Every structure is written in C-alpha cells, then in structure tokens.
Protein backbone atom coordinates (compact mmCIF):
# COMPACT_ATOMS: atom_id res chain seq x y z
CA UNK A 1 -38.98 -4.42 -10.73
CA UNK A 2 -37.81 -7.18 -8.22
CA UNK A 3 -40.92 -9.83 -9.76
CA UNK A 4 -40.13 -9.01 -13.22
CA UNK A 5 -36.73 -10.49 -12.35
CA UNK A 6 -38.07 -14.13 -12.61
CA UNK A 7 -41.22 -13.90 -15.06
CA UNK A 8 -39.35 -16.16 -17.59
CA UNK A 9 -37.72 -18.77 -15.91
CA UNK A 10 -35.57 -19.78 -19.20
CA UNK A 11 -34.07 -16.28 -19.41
CA UNK A 12 -33.35 -16.89 -15.86
CA UNK A 13 -31.28 -20.20 -15.95
CA UNK A 14 -29.67 -18.21 -19.46
CA UNK A 15 -28.67 -15.37 -17.34
CA UNK A 16 -27.59 -17.54 -14.74
CA UNK A 17 -25.02 -19.60 -17.13
CA UNK A 18 -24.30 -16.71 -18.44
CA UNK A 19 -22.94 -14.93 -14.92
CA UNK A 20 -21.09 -18.39 -13.98
CA UNK A 21 -18.90 -18.02 -17.16
CA UNK A 22 -18.29 -14.47 -15.99
CA UNK A 23 -17.15 -14.94 -12.89
CA UNK A 24 -15.42 -18.13 -14.47
CA UNK A 25 -13.72 -15.91 -17.10
CA UNK A 26 -12.70 -13.06 -14.27
CA UNK A 27 -11.01 -15.59 -12.07
CA UNK A 28 -8.70 -17.09 -15.04
CA UNK A 29 -7.92 -13.68 -16.12
CA UNK A 30 -7.11 -12.81 -12.43
CA UNK A 31 -3.79 -10.71 -12.87
CA UNK A 32 -0.45 -11.43 -10.27
CA UNK A 33 -0.54 -9.66 -7.29
CA UNK A 34 3.21 -9.46 -5.07
CA UNK A 35 3.34 -10.25 -1.43
CA UNK A 36 5.76 -7.80 -0.28
CA UNK A 37 7.65 -6.65 3.53
CA UNK A 38 8.35 -3.78 4.15
CA UNK A 39 11.73 -2.62 5.87
CA UNK A 40 9.40 0.14 8.28
CA UNK A 41 9.68 -2.89 10.21
CA UNK A 42 13.51 -3.85 9.97
CA UNK A 43 15.21 -0.15 11.22
CA UNK A 44 17.90 -2.13 13.61
CA UNK A 45 19.03 -4.21 10.67
CA UNK A 46 21.52 -3.29 8.18
CA UNK A 47 20.06 -3.22 4.55
CA UNK A 48 21.31 -5.71 3.46
CA UNK A 49 20.10 -8.22 6.18
CA UNK A 50 16.89 -6.74 5.42
CA UNK A 51 16.88 -7.75 1.83
CA UNK A 52 18.42 -11.45 2.97
CA UNK A 53 15.75 -12.25 5.28
CA UNK A 54 12.59 -10.84 3.26
CA UNK A 55 13.95 -12.35 0.22
CA UNK A 56 15.45 -15.77 2.19
CA UNK A 57 11.73 -15.92 3.60
CA UNK A 58 9.41 -15.64 0.11
CA UNK A 59 7.88 -12.78 -0.59
CA UNK A 60 7.97 -11.18 -4.28
CA UNK A 61 9.12 -7.74 -3.32
CA UNK A 62 10.19 -5.34 -0.59
CA UNK A 63 8.90 -1.90 0.10
CA UNK A 64 12.15 0.70 1.30
CA UNK A 65 11.45 2.89 3.81
CA UNK A 66 13.60 5.80 3.05
CA UNK A 67 12.87 8.46 5.96
CA UNK A 68 15.62 10.45 7.38
CA UNK A 69 16.86 8.00 10.38
CA UNK A 70 16.09 4.70 8.04
CA UNK A 71 19.64 2.40 7.14
CA UNK A 72 18.03 3.26 3.40
CA UNK A 73 17.41 6.81 3.56
CA UNK A 74 18.87 8.58 0.37
CA UNK A 75 21.42 10.78 2.11
CA UNK A 76 23.14 7.62 3.51
CA UNK A 77 23.41 5.35 0.35
CA UNK A 78 26.46 5.86 -2.00
CA UNK A 79 26.21 5.35 -5.56
CA UNK A 80 27.78 1.87 -4.59
CA UNK A 81 25.28 0.99 -2.26
CA UNK A 82 22.75 1.70 -4.90
CA UNK A 83 24.43 -1.09 -7.25
CA UNK A 84 25.03 -2.88 -4.06
CA UNK A 85 21.39 -3.11 -3.71
CA UNK A 86 20.16 -3.19 -7.46
CA UNK A 87 22.32 -6.31 -7.68
CA UNK A 88 20.87 -7.68 -4.20
CA UNK A 89 17.32 -7.32 -5.46
CA UNK A 90 18.16 -9.19 -8.89
CA UNK A 91 19.37 -11.79 -7.44
CA UNK A 92 17.08 -12.23 -4.32
CA UNK A 93 13.85 -11.93 -7.53
CA UNK A 94 12.54 -8.92 -5.39
CA UNK A 95 10.73 -6.50 -6.92
CA UNK A 96 10.77 -2.69 -5.24
CA UNK A 97 7.03 -1.78 -5.95
CA UNK A 98 7.37 1.22 -2.76
CA UNK A 99 9.65 3.44 -1.09
CA UNK A 100 7.75 4.62 1.53
CA UNK A 101 8.13 8.60 3.47
CA UNK A 102 6.56 10.54 6.57
CA UNK A 103 5.60 14.19 4.50
CA UNK A 104 3.21 16.01 6.56
CA UNK A 105 1.83 19.07 4.80
CA UNK A 106 1.44 22.41 6.04
CA UNK A 107 3.44 21.24 8.76
CA UNK A 108 5.36 24.57 10.59
CA UNK A 109 8.94 22.40 11.09
CA UNK A 110 8.89 19.96 8.24
CA UNK A 111 8.38 22.63 5.25
CA UNK A 112 6.92 22.44 1.58
CA UNK A 113 10.65 22.94 0.38
CA UNK A 114 11.70 19.95 2.70
CA UNK A 115 8.80 18.10 1.12
CA UNK A 116 10.14 18.56 -2.19
CA UNK A 117 13.39 17.70 -1.48
CA UNK A 118 12.28 14.86 0.59
CA UNK A 119 10.53 13.53 -2.77
CA UNK A 120 13.65 14.34 -5.15
CA UNK A 121 15.96 12.42 -2.91
CA UNK A 122 13.49 9.44 -3.50
CA UNK A 123 12.52 9.78 -6.72
CA UNK A 124 16.78 9.70 -7.72
CA UNK A 125 17.14 6.96 -5.33
CA UNK A 126 14.15 5.13 -7.09
CA UNK A 127 15.65 5.89 -10.10
CA UNK A 128 19.24 4.61 -9.54
CA UNK A 129 18.08 1.60 -8.16
CA UNK A 130 14.87 0.71 -10.87
CA UNK A 131 15.79 2.76 -14.14
CA UNK A 132 13.06 4.17 -15.98
CA UNK A 133 10.63 2.89 -13.81
CA UNK A 134 11.10 4.32 -10.67
CA UNK A 135 8.77 2.60 -7.89
CA UNK A 136 5.77 4.17 -6.10
CA UNK A 137 6.36 7.24 -3.68
CA UNK A 138 4.11 6.57 -0.32
CA UNK A 139 2.86 8.69 2.63
CA UNK A 140 0.51 9.73 4.72
CA UNK A 141 0.00 13.18 4.72
CA UNK A 142 -0.71 15.00 8.30
CA UNK A 143 -3.06 17.24 9.90
CA UNK A 144 -5.45 16.48 11.93
CA UNK A 145 -9.19 15.00 10.86
CA UNK A 146 -11.16 17.69 12.54
CA UNK A 147 -9.58 20.36 10.49
CA UNK A 148 -10.21 18.64 6.75
CA UNK A 149 -12.62 21.52 6.20
CA UNK A 150 -10.26 24.07 7.11
CA UNK A 151 -7.16 22.71 5.31
CA UNK A 152 -8.83 20.37 2.45
CA UNK A 153 -7.99 23.27 -0.42
CA UNK A 154 -4.96 23.91 0.79
CA UNK A 155 -3.46 20.08 0.45
CA UNK A 156 -4.46 20.63 -2.87
CA UNK A 157 -2.43 23.08 -4.20
CA UNK A 158 0.77 21.84 -2.04
CA UNK A 159 -0.07 18.21 -3.23
CA UNK A 160 0.53 20.02 -6.73
CA UNK A 161 3.44 20.61 -6.55
CA UNK A 162 4.60 17.52 -4.99
CA UNK A 163 2.71 15.28 -8.06
CA UNK A 164 4.04 17.78 -10.81
CA UNK A 165 7.78 16.07 -8.87
CA UNK A 166 6.69 13.03 -9.69
CA UNK A 167 5.74 13.52 -12.90
CA UNK A 168 8.61 14.78 -13.92
CA UNK A 169 10.31 12.33 -12.18
CA UNK A 170 8.19 9.12 -14.03
CA UNK A 171 6.65 8.13 -10.78
CA UNK A 172 3.28 7.75 -8.72
CA UNK A 173 2.55 9.53 -5.14
CA UNK A 174 0.41 7.41 -3.57
CA UNK A 175 -0.97 8.78 -0.23
CA UNK A 176 -2.16 6.41 2.35
CA UNK A 177 -5.67 7.30 4.89
CA UNK A 178 -4.75 7.70 8.11
CA UNK A 179 -6.95 7.33 11.28
CA UNK A 180 -4.91 9.92 12.96
CA UNK A 181 -4.72 12.19 10.29
CA UNK A 182 -7.13 15.25 8.26
CA UNK A 183 -7.45 12.18 5.09
CA UNK A 184 -8.88 9.45 7.38
CA UNK A 185 -11.70 7.97 4.69
CA UNK A 186 -12.94 6.75 1.85
CA UNK A 187 -14.78 9.97 0.74
CA UNK A 188 -12.39 12.43 1.79
CA UNK A 189 -9.14 10.23 -0.37
CA UNK A 190 -11.45 10.42 -3.77
CA UNK A 191 -12.22 13.55 -3.41
CA UNK A 192 -8.88 14.67 -2.86
CA UNK A 193 -7.62 12.24 -5.62
CA UNK A 194 -10.44 14.19 -7.74
CA UNK A 195 -9.81 17.20 -7.11
CA UNK A 196 -6.02 16.77 -7.90
CA UNK A 197 -7.00 15.27 -10.60
CA UNK A 198 -3.19 13.81 -12.05
CA UNK A 199 -2.36 10.04 -12.49
CA UNK A 200 0.55 11.19 -10.72
CA UNK A 201 -1.44 10.97 -7.23
CA UNK A 202 -3.30 7.93 -6.47
CA UNK A 203 -4.22 6.28 -2.68
CA UNK A 204 -2.97 3.70 -1.38
CA UNK A 205 -5.50 1.06 0.09
CA UNK A 206 -4.91 0.29 3.88
CA UNK A 207 -7.84 -1.74 5.08
CA UNK A 208 -6.76 -1.19 9.24
CA UNK A 209 -7.22 2.87 8.79
CA UNK A 210 -10.40 2.13 7.04
CA UNK A 211 -11.83 -0.39 9.30
CA UNK A 212 -11.25 1.86 11.96
CA UNK A 213 -13.05 4.80 10.19
CA UNK A 214 -16.37 2.35 10.40
CA UNK A 215 -16.15 1.22 6.86
CA UNK A 216 -16.82 -2.56 5.56
CA UNK A 217 -14.17 -4.55 3.56
CA UNK A 218 -15.74 -5.06 0.38
CA UNK A 219 -17.40 -1.50 0.28
CA UNK A 220 -13.90 0.29 0.65
CA UNK A 221 -12.47 -1.82 -1.72
CA UNK A 222 -14.63 -0.95 -4.23
CA UNK A 223 -14.62 2.64 -3.91
CA UNK A 224 -10.71 2.38 -3.63
CA UNK A 225 -9.10 0.01 -5.72
CA UNK A 226 -9.95 1.83 -8.95
CA UNK A 227 -7.30 4.53 -7.57
CA UNK A 228 -5.32 2.54 -5.55
CA UNK A 229 -2.33 0.60 -7.16
CA UNK A 230 -0.74 -0.26 -3.90
CA UNK A 231 -2.30 -2.00 -1.13
CA UNK A 232 -0.44 -1.96 3.11
CA UNK A 233 -1.62 -5.73 4.77
CA UNK A 234 -2.04 -5.14 8.96
CA UNK A 235 -4.79 -5.12 11.41
CA UNK A 236 -6.52 -3.03 14.28
CA UNK A 237 -8.56 -3.25 16.94
CA UNK A 238 -10.48 -0.26 19.31
CA UNK A 239 -9.03 0.12 22.99
CA UNK A 240 -10.78 2.49 25.52
CA UNK A 241 -7.98 4.15 25.32
CA UNK A 242 -7.26 4.57 21.59
CA UNK A 243 -6.22 2.19 18.61
CA UNK A 244 -4.12 -0.17 18.37
CA UNK A 245 -2.58 -1.60 15.04
CA UNK A 246 -1.89 -5.26 15.19
CA UNK A 247 -0.60 -7.46 12.46
CA UNK A 248 -2.01 -8.92 9.70
CA UNK A 249 -4.13 -11.92 10.90
CA UNK A 250 -4.32 -10.90 14.42
CA UNK A 251 -7.18 -8.38 14.00
CA UNK A 252 -10.92 -8.65 12.06
CA UNK A 253 -10.15 -8.34 8.53
CA UNK A 254 -10.92 -11.22 5.89
CA UNK A 255 -7.71 -11.84 3.88
CA UNK A 256 -9.20 -14.20 1.89
CA UNK A 257 -12.23 -12.56 0.93
CA UNK A 258 -10.14 -9.25 0.39
CA UNK A 259 -7.63 -11.10 -1.66
CA UNK A 260 -10.82 -12.24 -3.80
CA UNK A 261 -12.48 -8.80 -4.21
CA UNK A 262 -8.57 -7.91 -4.93
CA UNK A 263 -9.09 -10.65 -8.13
CA UNK A 264 -12.82 -9.60 -9.15
CA UNK A 265 -11.54 -6.14 -9.84
CA UNK A 266 -8.77 -6.97 -11.63
CA UNK A 267 -6.33 -5.54 -9.41
CA UNK A 268 -2.55 -5.50 -11.04
CA UNK A 269 0.24 -4.40 -8.16
CA UNK A 270 1.81 -4.98 -4.79
CA UNK A 271 0.06 -5.66 -1.25
CA UNK A 272 2.24 -5.08 1.42
CA UNK A 273 2.98 -6.34 4.67
CA UNK A 274 3.23 -2.97 7.19
CA UNK A 275 4.16 -3.97 10.56
CA UNK A 276 3.22 -0.92 12.76
CA UNK A 277 5.58 0.96 15.41
CA UNK A 278 3.41 0.33 17.76
CA UNK A 279 4.81 -3.64 17.31
CA UNK A 280 8.15 -3.06 15.73
CA UNK A 281 9.26 -0.36 18.39
CA UNK A 282 8.58 -2.98 21.51
CA UNK A 283 11.83 -4.32 23.47
CA UNK A 284 10.67 -8.03 22.62
CA UNK A 285 10.11 -7.14 19.17
CA UNK A 286 11.69 -10.33 16.49
CA UNK A 287 12.10 -9.03 13.26
CA UNK A 288 12.73 -12.47 11.86
CA UNK A 289 9.65 -14.40 13.25
CA UNK A 290 7.41 -11.52 12.55
CA UNK A 291 8.22 -11.90 8.68
CA UNK A 292 8.27 -15.15 8.71
CA UNK A 293 4.89 -15.26 10.64
CA UNK A 294 3.47 -12.65 8.27
CA UNK A 295 4.44 -14.67 4.97
CA UNK A 296 2.54 -18.35 5.89
CA UNK A 297 -0.23 -16.30 6.91
CA UNK A 298 -1.05 -13.99 3.48
CA UNK A 299 1.05 -16.42 1.31
CA UNK A 300 -2.08 -19.32 2.86
CA UNK A 301 -4.48 -16.35 2.18
CA UNK A 302 -3.65 -16.12 -1.06
CA UNK A 303 -3.48 -19.57 -2.32
CA UNK A 304 -7.16 -19.80 -0.47
CA UNK A 305 -8.06 -16.96 -2.73
CA UNK A 306 -6.75 -18.31 -5.27
CA UNK A 307 -5.21 -14.60 -6.50
CA UNK A 308 -2.08 -15.94 -8.39
CA UNK A 309 1.29 -14.06 -7.54
CA UNK A 310 4.53 -13.62 -9.74
CA UNK A 311 6.30 -16.51 -10.37
CA UNK A 312 4.39 -18.03 -8.43
C-alpha cells in the first residue's frame, strides 16, 4: 500500500501541488476566532471595572461568571444593571460568548431543582444582555472520576432536563471535561454528547484538563472541536502532591500549534482565558497585570499561527 503511492512520479507531483493548494485555501478561509477573558478571576472587582479592564486591554469578548457570590450573579443584577451592562459591552466592543457557572449533578447539596433554577436565571440574564442570541452556558458536571460507570446513565437523564431548558431559552450548555470530575477525558466526553443527543448540549475544550488526563494536543483537538463551540485557555502541571493549574503560557501547551489547528479545523467561536482559583485566590494576585500578560501571550500566538480575530 505504501509503495503504490510512489509508483507514478507525475501523479505524486500533481497530488503534492493539489495538497499545497488545499492548505492555502484552508488558510485563506480561516474563520475569525475571538480572544476573551473570564471574570471568574475578577471577583474582587466591581463588574463595571472588570469590563473596563478587559475591554481596554484589547480582548474581543468577556465570559461573565454567574455563580452566586460573583458580582454578575443573576440575582444581583437589576433590570437597570442589565441595561448598563449591555451598553458597556457595546461601548467597549466586547462580545459576550459565554456565562460561567458551576453546576453539580446528582449532588446532595446542590439539588436538581436548584440546578434548573440557576440555569433558567442565567438564560434570562443572557437574553436580557444579548436579546435573541443568548451566550453559551458553560459549566462543569461534578462527581468523581471513579464513579463514571455508576453514574453516567443518571447524568444523561439529568442533563436531558437541563438541555430542554437550554433549548427553550435558545442557548447551548457546554460542559467542561474536568480532571477531578466523572467526565474527565475525550472518550467520556464524546460518549456523553452522543447519548444526550441534542444540539443544545456540547463540550468546552480545555486542554489543561485533557493534558492532565494524558491526551496529546492535536488528537484531542481533532476529536473534540467538532462538538466544542467554546474553548478555555490555561495551562497545568503535575506536582508530587497534586495537579496545579497555571496561566496560559506558563506550562507545556503549544498555543501556536493549537491556534493553527483551530484554523485548519474551521473552528468559529471564542477562546477564553480562564484563571484558576488556585491563582486568583492567592493574596498577591494582581488582576490587571494578569489580564495584560495573558493578552500579550495569546494575541502573539494568534498572530504567529495566522488565526484571524474579529476586527483585528
């Protein structure tokens, strides 16, 4: 089989030229990918100051954290606040690709009804800020890795109810495979998406967790990007005691290669810098310096990879 490829030099040359043309065409047709920053790391700031920081730094979008204790939790935002937030996003030229929450399935404390209520409130907020095109609802799913076989079918059932709510609200739930959760790798993620079987339930691609699970960058991208309309950017490393999450660029991830692959795969969406609680809960955390450093690193990687950004 391998020898047959080289039997006709003329065909080989034609194939090589055609391949180059295909690569050039793919590069020319690359879709813009937005670079955004999450307010998960900015809990210590007023939401107005967070938006100002993200917009002035140069990001294309913002992911709003909507957990109960964050400044943009739905219960804390009045109708007037929502209007002002919408206006600030427009003034700063920021998109709102996603809302971040932390649902826990089959949890004795965070009940199924509470999860539905949190999702509904987030959907209402998203529709208030971006009428007619609410942002993605991004979350982890919980449970432990060793519980997967015991809980996976129950997860499908509970996710089905949440997904129907998402469909009614015109949005998509994107779950993140998490190193500490039952869904912690590519195989389990693909199984879950297939079993739920809804276009309103998809995956968030976050290589830091997949790297900790032992996956290589390119194969994991090729497997998950077709079902991942959203991306988180951060790094990770292993320590003798546990894993540790890092700022993007402080670990082993080749972001230039990642962004080249996104272009080749036709990805169209946003890639959001997520600063782990292991970092933003430290007493010496500096939000302004961190937002700027991550922007410089990721914007440079976008440019080197030849991946276009909206209006850049």
